[in-house]
């Protein structure tokens, strides 16, 4: 049986952020892409408050959406966030 964790979009991407540490605020990120493609990353913020993503060599469209969603997480520090976004 499939769970929502296994869902891949037909287009765009599903971003799932899971907080792994509160000090410093750190998230494990999974990006589910069409088909069975999946990207993993880690999100933190540098001393200037800018998002820092590892690995840095993500697809530009995916990285752009990840940075936009990082703004929401920095304010809320939610334990989990899942969002669907149109990624070309």
N, C-alpha and C. Protein backbone atom coordinates (compact mmCIF):
# COMPACT_ATOMS: atom_id res chain seq x y z
N UNK A 1 0.84 -1.18 0.00
CA UNK A 1 0.00 0.00 0.00
C UNK A 1 0.89 1.24 0.00
N UNK A 2 0.56 2.19 -0.85
CA UNK A 2 1.32 3.44 -0.95
C UNK A 2 0.91 4.40 0.17
N UNK A 3 1.87 5.15 0.63
CA UNK A 3 1.57 6.22 1.58
C UNK A 3 1.81 7.55 0.89
N UNK A 4 1.39 8.63 1.52
CA UNK A 4 1.61 9.95 0.92
C UNK A 4 3.10 10.25 0.80
N UNK A 5 3.92 9.57 1.60
CA UNK A 5 5.36 9.77 1.54
C UNK A 5 5.93 9.28 0.20
N UNK A 6 5.23 8.37 -0.46
CA UNK A 6 5.69 7.79 -1.72
C UNK A 6 5.18 8.52 -2.95
N UNK A 7 4.37 9.56 -2.77
CA UNK A 7 3.76 10.23 -3.90
C UNK A 7 4.75 11.09 -4.68
N UNK A 8 4.75 10.88 -5.97
CA UNK A 8 5.55 11.70 -6.88
C UNK A 8 4.57 12.44 -7.80
N UNK A 9 4.83 13.71 -8.07
CA UNK A 9 3.93 14.46 -8.94
C UNK A 9 4.09 14.05 -10.40
N UNK A 10 3.08 14.32 -11.20
CA UNK A 10 3.18 14.10 -12.65
C UNK A 10 3.94 15.25 -13.30
N UNK A 11 3.87 16.42 -12.66
CA UNK A 11 4.66 17.58 -13.09
C UNK A 11 4.96 18.40 -11.85
N UNK A 12 6.00 19.21 -11.91
CA UNK A 12 6.38 20.00 -10.76
C UNK A 12 7.14 19.16 -9.75
N UNK A 13 7.02 19.52 -8.46
CA UNK A 13 7.76 18.82 -7.42
C UNK A 13 7.02 18.92 -6.09
N UNK A 14 7.25 17.93 -5.24
CA UNK A 14 6.71 17.96 -3.88
C UNK A 14 7.89 18.11 -2.94
N UNK A 15 7.88 19.16 -2.15
CA UNK A 15 8.95 19.46 -1.20
C UNK A 15 8.51 19.04 0.19
N UNK A 16 9.31 18.24 0.86
CA UNK A 16 9.01 17.79 2.22
C UNK A 16 10.19 18.18 3.11
N UNK A 17 9.93 19.03 4.09
CA UNK A 17 10.93 19.50 5.03
C UNK A 17 10.64 18.86 6.39
N UNK A 18 11.64 18.26 7.00
CA UNK A 18 11.50 17.67 8.32
C UNK A 18 12.60 18.24 9.22
N UNK A 19 12.18 18.90 10.30
CA UNK A 19 13.17 19.51 11.22
C UNK A 19 13.94 18.40 11.93
N UNK A 20 15.26 18.51 11.91
CA UNK A 20 16.10 17.53 12.58
C UNK A 20 16.85 18.13 13.77
N UNK A 21 16.88 19.46 13.86
CA UNK A 21 17.54 20.12 14.98
C UNK A 21 16.97 21.51 15.14
N UNK A 22 16.89 21.97 16.37
CA UNK A 22 16.37 23.31 16.63
C UNK A 22 17.47 24.35 16.85
N UNK A 23 18.65 23.91 17.25
CA UNK A 23 19.73 24.86 17.50
C UNK A 23 21.04 24.29 16.96
N UNK A 24 21.48 24.67 15.80
CA UNK A 24 20.83 25.61 14.89
C UNK A 24 19.68 24.93 14.14
N UNK A 25 18.73 25.75 13.70
CA UNK A 25 17.58 25.25 12.97
C UNK A 25 18.04 24.54 11.70
N UNK A 26 17.71 23.25 11.61
CA UNK A 26 18.18 22.43 10.49
C UNK A 26 17.03 21.55 10.01
N UNK A 27 16.90 21.45 8.69
CA UNK A 27 15.86 20.60 8.08
C UNK A 27 16.48 19.63 7.11
N UNK A 28 15.96 18.40 7.12
CA UNK A 28 16.23 17.43 6.08
C UNK A 28 15.17 17.67 5.02
N UNK A 29 15.58 17.76 3.76
CA UNK A 29 14.66 18.08 2.68
C UNK A 29 14.63 16.92 1.67
N UNK A 30 13.43 16.53 1.30
CA UNK A 30 13.25 15.57 0.22
C UNK A 30 12.41 16.26 -0.85
N UNK A 31 12.86 16.17 -2.08
CA UNK A 31 12.13 16.75 -3.20
C UNK A 31 11.75 15.61 -4.13
N UNK A 32 10.45 15.37 -4.24
CA UNK A 32 9.93 14.31 -5.11
C UNK A 32 9.59 14.92 -6.46
N UNK A 33 10.23 14.40 -7.49
CA UNK A 33 10.06 14.91 -8.85
C UNK A 33 9.24 13.90 -9.66
N UNK A 34 8.80 14.28 -10.86
CA UNK A 34 8.00 13.36 -11.67
C UNK A 34 8.70 12.01 -11.85
N UNK A 35 7.87 10.99 -12.01
CA UNK A 35 8.40 9.63 -12.13
C UNK A 35 8.83 9.14 -10.77
N UNK A 36 10.04 8.62 -10.69
CA UNK A 36 10.56 8.13 -9.41
C UNK A 36 11.77 8.92 -8.94
N UNK A 37 12.03 10.07 -9.56
CA UNK A 37 13.19 10.88 -9.19
C UNK A 37 12.98 11.53 -7.83
N UNK A 38 14.05 11.58 -7.05
CA UNK A 38 14.00 12.20 -5.74
C UNK A 38 15.35 12.83 -5.44
N UNK A 39 15.32 14.00 -4.82
CA UNK A 39 16.53 14.72 -4.44
C UNK A 39 16.50 14.90 -2.93
N UNK A 40 17.64 14.72 -2.29
CA UNK A 40 17.75 14.97 -0.85
C UNK A 40 18.71 16.12 -0.61
N UNK A 41 18.42 16.92 0.39
CA UNK A 41 19.28 18.05 0.74
C UNK A 41 19.12 18.36 2.22
N UNK A 42 19.97 19.25 2.70
CA UNK A 42 19.86 19.72 4.08
C UNK A 42 19.80 21.24 4.03
N UNK A 43 18.92 21.80 4.84
CA UNK A 43 18.71 23.25 4.87
C UNK A 43 19.07 23.79 6.25
N UNK A 44 19.92 24.80 6.28
CA UNK A 44 20.25 25.55 7.49
C UNK A 44 20.29 27.02 7.10
N UNK A 45 20.64 27.88 8.02
CA UNK A 45 20.80 29.30 7.74
C UNK A 45 22.17 29.73 8.21
N UNK A 46 22.84 30.57 7.42
CA UNK A 46 24.17 31.04 7.81
C UNK A 46 24.06 32.16 8.84
N UNK A 47 25.19 32.68 9.27
CA UNK A 47 25.20 33.71 10.31
C UNK A 47 24.51 35.00 9.89
N UNK A 48 24.34 35.21 8.59
CA UNK A 48 23.64 36.39 8.08
C UNK A 48 22.13 36.15 7.94
N UNK A 49 21.68 34.93 8.22
CA UNK A 49 20.27 34.61 8.11
C UNK A 49 19.84 34.15 6.73
N UNK A 50 20.81 33.93 5.84
CA UNK A 50 20.51 33.45 4.48
C UNK A 50 20.45 31.93 4.48
N UNK A 51 19.55 31.34 3.69
CA UNK A 51 19.47 29.89 3.64
C UNK A 51 20.74 29.28 3.06
N UNK A 52 21.17 28.19 3.67
CA UNK A 52 22.33 27.44 3.19
C UNK A 52 21.86 26.02 2.87
N UNK A 53 22.08 25.59 1.63
CA UNK A 53 21.60 24.30 1.16
C UNK A 53 22.79 23.42 0.81
N UNK A 54 22.75 22.20 1.31
CA UNK A 54 23.76 21.19 0.97
C UNK A 54 23.06 19.99 0.38
N UNK A 55 23.43 19.45 -0.74
CA UNK A 55 24.50 19.93 -1.59
C UNK A 55 24.08 21.19 -2.34
N UNK A 56 25.05 22.02 -2.62
CA UNK A 56 24.79 23.29 -3.30
C UNK A 56 24.48 23.09 -4.78
N UNK A 57 24.85 21.97 -5.34
CA UNK A 57 24.69 21.72 -6.77
C UNK A 57 23.33 21.13 -7.12
N UNK A 58 22.26 21.77 -6.65
CA UNK A 58 20.91 21.34 -7.02
C UNK A 58 20.49 22.00 -8.31
N UNK A 59 19.52 21.41 -8.99
CA UNK A 59 18.92 22.03 -10.15
C UNK A 59 18.47 23.44 -9.76
N UNK A 60 18.70 24.43 -10.61
CA UNK A 60 18.42 25.83 -10.29
C UNK A 60 16.95 26.06 -9.95
N UNK A 61 16.03 25.43 -10.68
CA UNK A 61 14.60 25.63 -10.42
C UNK A 61 14.21 25.03 -9.07
N UNK A 62 14.76 23.88 -8.73
CA UNK A 62 14.48 23.24 -7.44
C UNK A 62 15.06 24.09 -6.32
N UNK A 63 16.30 24.54 -6.48
CA UNK A 63 16.95 25.37 -5.45
C UNK A 63 16.19 26.67 -5.23
N UNK A 64 15.68 27.27 -6.30
CA UNK A 64 14.92 28.52 -6.19
C UNK A 64 13.66 28.32 -5.34
N UNK A 65 12.92 27.27 -5.61
CA UNK A 65 11.71 26.99 -4.83
C UNK A 65 12.06 26.64 -3.38
N UNK A 66 13.15 25.91 -3.18
CA UNK A 66 13.57 25.55 -1.84
C UNK A 66 13.89 26.80 -1.02
N UNK A 67 14.56 27.76 -1.62
CA UNK A 67 14.89 29.02 -0.92
C UNK A 67 13.61 29.79 -0.58
N UNK A 68 12.65 29.81 -1.48
CA UNK A 68 11.39 30.50 -1.20
C UNK A 68 10.68 29.86 -0.01
N UNK A 69 10.65 28.54 0.03
CA UNK A 69 10.00 27.85 1.14
C UNK A 69 10.80 27.99 2.44
N UNK A 70 12.09 28.18 2.33
CA UNK A 70 12.94 28.37 3.53
C UNK A 70 12.52 29.61 4.31
N UNK A 71 12.02 30.63 3.62
CA UNK A 71 11.57 31.84 4.31
C UNK A 71 10.42 31.53 5.28
N UNK A 72 9.50 30.67 4.85
CA UNK A 72 8.38 30.27 5.69
C UNK A 72 8.89 29.52 6.91
N UNK A 73 9.82 28.60 6.70
CA UNK A 73 10.33 27.79 7.79
C UNK A 73 11.14 28.59 8.80
N UNK A 74 11.86 29.57 8.32
CA UNK A 74 12.67 30.39 9.24
C UNK A 74 11.77 31.12 10.23
N UNK A 75 10.63 31.59 9.77
CA UNK A 75 9.70 32.30 10.65
C UNK A 75 8.95 31.35 11.59
N UNK A 76 8.54 30.20 11.06
CA UNK A 76 7.66 29.32 11.84
C UNK A 76 8.39 28.23 12.62
N UNK A 77 9.54 27.80 12.12
CA UNK A 77 10.29 26.67 12.71
C UNK A 77 9.39 25.44 12.88
N UNK A 78 8.47 25.25 11.93
CA UNK A 78 7.54 24.12 11.97
C UNK A 78 8.32 22.80 11.97
N UNK A 79 7.81 21.79 12.67
CA UNK A 79 8.51 20.51 12.68
C UNK A 79 8.48 19.80 11.33
N UNK A 80 7.46 20.10 10.52
CA UNK A 80 7.34 19.47 9.20
C UNK A 80 6.55 20.39 8.27
N UNK A 81 6.97 20.41 7.02
CA UNK A 81 6.27 21.20 6.02
C UNK A 81 6.30 20.43 4.71
N UNK A 82 5.17 20.34 4.04
CA UNK A 82 5.09 19.67 2.74
C UNK A 82 4.35 20.61 1.79
N UNK A 83 4.96 20.87 0.63
CA UNK A 83 4.36 21.77 -0.35
C UNK A 83 4.60 21.24 -1.76
N UNK A 84 3.59 21.42 -2.61
CA UNK A 84 3.69 21.10 -4.03
C UNK A 84 3.98 22.40 -4.78
N UNK A 85 4.95 22.35 -5.67
CA UNK A 85 5.31 23.55 -6.44
C UNK A 85 5.52 23.17 -7.90
N UNK A 86 5.20 24.12 -8.78
CA UNK A 86 5.45 23.93 -10.21
C UNK A 86 6.92 24.25 -10.47
N UNK A 87 7.65 23.25 -10.91
CA UNK A 87 9.06 23.41 -11.21
C UNK A 87 9.25 23.01 -12.67
N UNK A 88 9.75 23.96 -13.48
CA UNK A 88 9.92 23.62 -14.91
C UNK A 88 10.95 22.53 -15.15
